[in-house]
Protein backbone atom coordinates (compact mmCIF):
# COMPACT_ATOMS: atom_id res chain seq x y z
CA UNK A 1 103.80 117.78 113.81
CA UNK A 2 101.95 118.13 117.12
CA UNK A 3 98.19 118.64 116.80
CA UNK A 4 97.01 122.25 117.18
CA UNK A 5 93.29 123.03 117.49
CA UNK A 6 91.71 126.48 117.73
CA UNK A 7 88.43 126.69 119.63
CA UNK A 8 86.23 129.61 118.63
CA UNK A 9 82.54 130.36 118.93
CA UNK A 10 79.56 131.94 117.25
CA UNK A 11 79.08 134.32 120.19
CA UNK A 12 80.24 135.06 123.71
CA UNK A 13 78.96 133.27 126.79
CA UNK A 14 77.98 130.04 125.02
CA UNK A 15 80.18 127.66 127.02
CA UNK A 16 83.27 127.76 124.83
CA UNK A 17 85.67 127.75 127.79
CA UNK A 18 84.01 124.68 129.30
CA UNK A 19 84.27 122.92 125.94
CA UNK A 20 87.92 123.96 125.59
CA UNK A 21 88.61 122.49 129.03
CA UNK A 22 86.87 119.27 128.05
CA UNK A 23 88.73 119.07 124.74
CA UNK A 24 92.09 119.67 126.40
CA UNK A 25 91.35 116.80 128.76
CA UNK A 26 90.04 114.56 125.96
CA UNK A 27 93.21 115.13 123.92
CA UNK A 28 95.46 114.97 127.00
CA UNK A 29 96.78 118.31 125.80
CA UNK A 30 97.96 121.79 126.67
CA UNK A 31 95.73 124.88 126.85
CA UNK A 32 96.48 128.44 125.77
CA UNK A 33 94.34 131.59 125.85
CA UNK A 34 96.34 134.23 123.92
CA UNK A 35 94.40 137.25 125.20
CA UNK A 36 92.48 137.41 128.47
CA UNK A 37 90.27 140.45 128.93
CA UNK A 38 88.87 140.74 132.45
CA UNK A 39 91.10 139.30 135.17
CA UNK A 40 89.43 140.55 138.35
CA UNK A 41 86.99 137.66 138.79
CA UNK A 42 89.23 134.86 137.57
CA UNK A 43 90.51 133.89 134.13
CA UNK A 44 89.58 131.29 131.55
CA UNK A 45 92.98 129.67 132.08
CA UNK A 46 92.17 129.17 135.76
CA UNK A 47 88.77 127.71 134.87
CA UNK A 48 90.28 125.30 132.36
CA UNK A 49 93.01 124.25 134.78
CA UNK A 50 90.40 123.28 137.38
CA UNK A 51 87.91 121.62 135.02
CA UNK A 52 90.53 119.66 133.08
CA UNK A 53 92.67 118.89 136.13
CA UNK A 54 95.77 120.26 134.44
CA UNK A 55 99.08 120.92 136.18
CA UNK A 56 100.43 124.47 135.86
CA UNK A 57 102.90 123.47 133.14
CA UNK A 58 100.06 122.48 130.82
CA UNK A 59 98.31 125.86 130.94
CA UNK A 60 100.45 128.33 129.04
CA UNK A 61 100.55 131.95 130.21
CA UNK A 62 98.48 134.46 128.27
CA UNK A 63 100.32 136.76 125.89
CA UNK A 64 98.09 139.63 127.07
CA UNK A 65 96.23 140.04 130.38
CA UNK A 66 93.82 142.96 130.39
CA UNK A 67 91.79 144.33 133.28
CA UNK A 68 88.33 145.05 131.87
CA UNK A 69 85.92 142.30 130.65
CA UNK A 70 85.46 143.89 127.23
CA UNK A 71 86.44 143.21 123.65
CA UNK A 72 90.26 142.83 123.66
CA UNK A 73 90.84 145.93 121.55
CA UNK A 74 88.89 148.15 123.95
CA UNK A 75 90.20 146.50 127.12
CA UNK A 76 93.72 147.10 125.83
CA UNK A 77 92.99 150.75 125.10
CA UNK A 78 91.69 151.27 128.63
CA UNK A 79 94.90 149.69 129.94
CA UNK A 80 96.91 152.09 127.80
CA UNK A 81 98.33 149.44 125.46
CA UNK A 82 97.68 147.99 122.00
CA UNK A 83 97.78 144.29 121.22
CA UNK A 84 100.22 143.55 118.41
CA UNK A 85 98.32 140.90 116.47
CA UNK A 86 101.37 140.02 114.40
CA UNK A 87 103.25 138.81 117.47
CA UNK A 88 100.54 136.29 118.38
CA UNK A 89 102.07 133.00 117.26
CA UNK A 90 101.17 129.43 118.09
CA UNK A 91 103.61 128.03 120.64
CA UNK A 92 105.47 124.80 120.00
CA UNK A 93 104.38 122.06 122.37
CA UNK A 94 105.05 118.36 122.93
CA UNK A 95 101.34 117.59 123.42
CA UNK A 96 98.21 118.55 121.49
CA UNK A 97 97.60 122.29 121.85
CA UNK A 98 94.10 123.69 122.39
CA UNK A 99 93.89 127.43 121.78
CA UNK A 100 90.82 129.41 122.85
CA UNK A 101 89.85 132.66 121.16
CA UNK A 102 87.68 135.40 122.65
CA UNK A 103 83.98 135.54 121.82
CA UNK A 104 83.31 135.10 118.11
CA UNK A 105 85.37 135.30 114.95
CA UNK A 106 84.88 139.00 114.31
CA UNK A 107 86.04 140.17 117.74
CA UNK A 108 88.67 142.92 117.26
CA UNK A 109 92.17 142.27 118.56
CA UNK A 110 93.03 145.89 117.82
CA UNK A 111 91.55 148.58 115.57
CA UNK A 112 92.97 146.90 112.45
CA UNK A 113 92.83 143.16 113.05
CA UNK A 114 90.12 140.69 114.02
CA UNK A 115 90.54 137.29 115.62
CA UNK A 116 89.66 135.66 112.32
CA UNK A 117 92.65 137.43 110.73
CA UNK A 118 94.92 135.86 113.34
CA UNK A 119 93.36 132.44 112.75
CA UNK A 120 93.87 132.79 109.00
CA UNK A 121 97.57 133.50 109.56
CA UNK A 122 97.92 130.50 111.86
CA UNK A 123 96.02 128.20 109.46
CA UNK A 124 95.42 125.74 112.30
CA UNK A 125 92.21 123.66 112.23
CA UNK A 126 89.24 125.27 113.99
CA UNK A 127 86.40 123.86 116.06
CA UNK A 128 83.38 126.15 115.92
CA UNK A 129 81.32 126.07 119.14
CA UNK A 130 77.64 126.89 118.74
CA UNK A 131 74.78 127.03 121.19
CA UNK A 132 71.64 125.05 120.41
CA UNK A 133 69.10 127.81 121.16
CA UNK A 134 67.06 130.02 118.88
CA UNK A 135 69.14 132.07 116.43
CA UNK A 136 72.02 129.64 116.25
CA UNK A 137 71.36 128.58 112.65
CA UNK A 138 72.01 132.09 111.37
CA UNK A 139 75.02 132.74 113.61
CA UNK A 140 76.60 129.40 112.88
CA UNK A 141 76.14 129.46 109.10
CA UNK A 142 77.55 133.00 108.95
CA UNK A 143 80.58 131.88 110.96
CA UNK A 144 81.13 128.90 108.67
CA UNK A 145 80.98 131.18 105.62
CA UNK A 146 83.51 133.56 107.18
CA UNK A 147 85.97 130.74 107.96
CA UNK A 148 85.73 129.31 104.46
CA UNK A 149 86.09 132.73 102.84
CA UNK A 150 89.53 132.94 104.48
CA UNK A 151 90.44 129.31 103.75
CA UNK A 152 90.67 128.46 107.45
CA UNK A 153 90.45 124.69 107.95
CA UNK A 154 87.28 123.73 109.82
CA UNK A 155 87.15 120.49 111.80
CA UNK A 156 83.44 120.88 112.46
CA UNK A 157 80.80 122.27 114.79
CA UNK A 158 80.56 121.37 118.48
CA UNK A 159 77.13 122.16 119.89
CA UNK A 160 76.65 123.22 123.50
CA UNK A 161 73.29 123.04 125.25
CA UNK A 162 70.11 121.03 125.21
CA UNK A 163 69.35 118.61 122.40
CA UNK A 164 67.86 120.39 119.35
CA UNK A 165 68.07 117.62 116.78
CA UNK A 166 66.56 119.45 113.81
CA UNK A 167 68.63 122.59 114.41
CA UNK A 168 71.82 120.57 114.62
CA UNK A 169 70.93 118.57 111.52
CA UNK A 170 70.00 121.73 109.59
CA UNK A 171 73.34 123.38 110.31
CA UNK A 172 75.22 120.23 109.33
CA UNK A 173 73.33 119.85 106.05
CA UNK A 174 73.12 123.46 104.90
CA UNK A 175 76.59 124.35 106.14
CA UNK A 176 78.04 121.13 104.67
CA UNK A 177 79.95 120.74 107.90
CA UNK A 178 80.65 117.85 110.24
CA UNK A 179 78.72 117.88 113.49
CA UNK A 180 81.33 116.79 116.00
CA UNK A 181 78.90 116.25 118.86
CA UNK A 182 76.99 118.07 121.57
CA UNK A 183 78.12 118.95 125.07
CA UNK A 184 75.09 119.24 127.37
CA UNK A 185 74.86 121.77 130.17
CA UNK A 186 76.25 120.03 133.23
CA UNK A 187 74.84 120.56 136.70
CA UNK A 188 76.88 120.22 138.75
CA UNK A 189 79.81 121.13 136.51
CA UNK A 190 82.68 119.07 137.86
CA UNK A 191 85.90 117.77 136.28
CA UNK A 192 84.53 114.23 136.47
CA UNK A 193 81.20 115.13 134.85
CA UNK A 194 82.90 117.09 132.08
CA UNK A 195 85.36 114.32 131.30
CA UNK A 196 82.58 111.74 131.13
CA UNK A 197 80.39 113.95 128.93
CA UNK A 198 83.23 114.63 126.49
CA UNK A 199 84.09 110.94 126.17
CA UNK A 200 80.42 110.14 125.54
CA UNK A 201 79.66 112.93 123.07
CA UNK A 202 82.88 113.26 121.04
CA UNK A 203 85.31 111.06 119.15
CA UNK A 204 89.00 111.91 119.50
CA UNK A 205 89.66 110.86 115.90
CA UNK A 206 87.32 113.60 114.61
CA UNK A 207 89.70 116.26 115.89
CA UNK A 208 92.57 114.85 113.85
CA UNK A 209 91.02 115.15 110.39
CA UNK A 210 89.81 118.22 108.50
CA UNK A 211 86.98 117.74 105.99
CA UNK A 212 86.38 120.86 103.91
């Protein structure tokens, strides 16, 4: 069976899309963002395509494209539609598939379903992206608890940001979770810099094995 990895985060705006681009490149895979809210200033799919250097065929079209940069449930309401969470299904691909959620685990897809409910139905292994700044211990441990409460397989935590060795160690120890690595903030952020940083910070084999 082809590898499928879900990339989620502890919060919005932490660099999850950049990590997803780097992971797609590292795995030589295919990228999919099921729901894109906010399309006026560019989409995450476009960002990933550029940063990972992917041809169009390896960036799958979104199931839902919504105008306003809001939580998917609200963006859909403003567009006069409702996302049917039950129709969101992982596509079959011939390469590793990297799927990016929106914001954190508890983001509503509609008024009855959260992203974590969709992930539980998929039962694909998850990478939890976490920033390294103040407050991340609480947010990350809560997210780990939520994933485990729904028996969602967790590959580990990928940190994004400056080195915070004790914070990263604390989350790994208390959360009993594998620390996959840390992606630093890149300036300039280029495809070449991202590819090099991913190869330095992460091990491909770690994304193939779930340790609960």
